[in-house]
Protein backbone atom coordinates (compact mmCIF):
# COMPACT_ATOMS: atom_id res chain seq x y z
CA LEU A 1 111.66 81.24 110.78
CA VAL A 2 112.30 84.80 109.60
CA LEU A 3 113.32 83.61 106.15
CA TYR A 4 110.22 81.42 105.88
CA LEU A 5 107.91 84.27 106.88
CA ILE A 6 109.46 86.81 104.53
CA LEU A 7 109.68 84.52 101.51
CA ASN A 8 106.10 83.37 101.91
CA TRP A 9 104.56 86.74 102.79
CA LEU A 10 106.61 89.05 100.57
CA PRO A 11 104.40 88.55 97.48
CA THR A 12 101.32 89.31 99.58
CA LEU A 13 102.94 92.42 101.06
CA VAL A 14 103.98 93.67 97.64
CA THR A 15 100.53 93.20 96.11
CA SER A 16 98.84 94.74 99.15
CA LYS A 17 100.84 97.91 98.46
CA GLY A 18 99.13 98.15 95.08
CA LEU A 19 101.77 96.72 92.78
CA ALA A 20 100.81 94.29 90.03
CA VAL A 21 100.63 90.59 90.82
CA SER A 22 103.30 90.01 88.15
CA ILE A 23 105.76 91.99 90.31
CA ALA A 24 105.35 89.72 93.35
CA PRO A 25 107.60 86.88 92.10
CA LEU A 26 110.23 89.46 91.14
CA ALA A 27 110.22 90.77 94.72
CA SER A 28 110.91 87.26 96.01
CA MET A 29 113.64 86.76 93.43
CA TRP A 30 115.37 90.03 94.37
CA PHE A 31 115.08 89.14 98.05
CA ASN A 32 116.88 85.85 97.38
CA LEU A 33 119.54 87.51 95.23
CA GLY A 34 120.04 90.13 97.94
CA GLY A 35 120.55 87.33 100.44
CA VAL A 36 123.26 85.77 98.29
CA ALA A 37 124.97 89.14 97.78
CA GLY A 38 124.69 89.93 101.49
CA ALA A 39 126.21 86.60 102.45
CA LEU A 40 129.13 87.11 100.08
CA LEU A 41 129.70 90.68 101.27
CA LEU A 42 129.38 89.91 104.98
CA ALA A 43 131.63 86.81 104.90
CA PRO A 44 134.92 88.77 105.11
CA PHE A 45 133.54 90.79 108.03
CA VAL A 46 132.59 87.59 109.87
CA ASP A 47 136.11 86.26 109.35
CA ARG A 48 137.63 89.47 110.67
CA PHE A 49 135.28 90.54 113.49
CA GLY A 50 133.39 87.37 114.43
CA PHE A 51 129.75 86.72 113.76
CA LYS A 52 128.02 89.06 116.21
CA ALA A 53 128.51 92.46 114.52
CA PRO A 54 127.86 91.35 110.90
CA ILE A 55 124.74 89.41 111.88
CA THR A 56 123.45 92.42 113.79
CA LEU A 57 124.18 94.60 110.77
CA GLY A 58 122.40 92.18 108.44
CA PHE A 59 119.27 91.94 110.55
CA SER A 60 119.25 95.72 111.00
CA GLY A 61 119.34 96.12 107.23
CA LEU A 62 116.48 93.65 106.89
CA ALA A 63 114.45 95.57 109.47
CA LEU A 64 115.06 98.82 107.57
CA ALA A 65 114.00 97.20 104.30
CA LEU A 66 110.78 95.92 105.85
CA ALA A 67 110.11 99.33 107.40
CA GLY A 68 110.59 100.85 103.95
CA LEU A 69 108.09 98.42 102.51
CA SER A 70 105.59 99.27 105.24
CA VAL A 71 105.64 102.97 104.32
CA ALA A 72 105.76 102.42 100.56
CA THR A 73 102.29 103.88 100.09
CA ILE A 74 103.39 107.07 101.84
CA TRP A 75 106.48 107.26 99.62
CA CYS A 76 104.52 106.63 96.44
CA PRO A 77 100.94 107.89 96.91
CA GLY A 78 98.26 108.01 94.26
CA GLU A 79 96.89 105.72 91.62
CA ASP A 80 98.85 107.27 88.74
CA SER A 81 102.30 107.15 90.33
CA ASN A 82 104.91 104.56 89.40
CA LEU A 83 108.05 103.12 90.94
CA HIS A 84 110.72 103.80 88.30
CA GLY A 85 108.83 102.02 85.53
CA VAL A 86 107.13 99.35 87.67
CA THR A 87 103.44 99.57 86.93
CA ARG A 88 100.84 99.42 89.66
């Protein structure tokens, strides 16, 4: 359910923060690539410590990323600002 909500609402969240519509699919792509990288990086920890701690760590990271997205306008205020070359 969480994956469904994020993948379907991420483009809307990104554009609501003032970024160009052309950036929205890139946000979804990077979210998916981050999921693959996270799965590969967390797999050894699951083998060593069980699933509880790595899953908690993964969801905590996701919560931090979403919190960062929610305050993106505070981090990058103004119409003329950019996000490291990403146009608004």
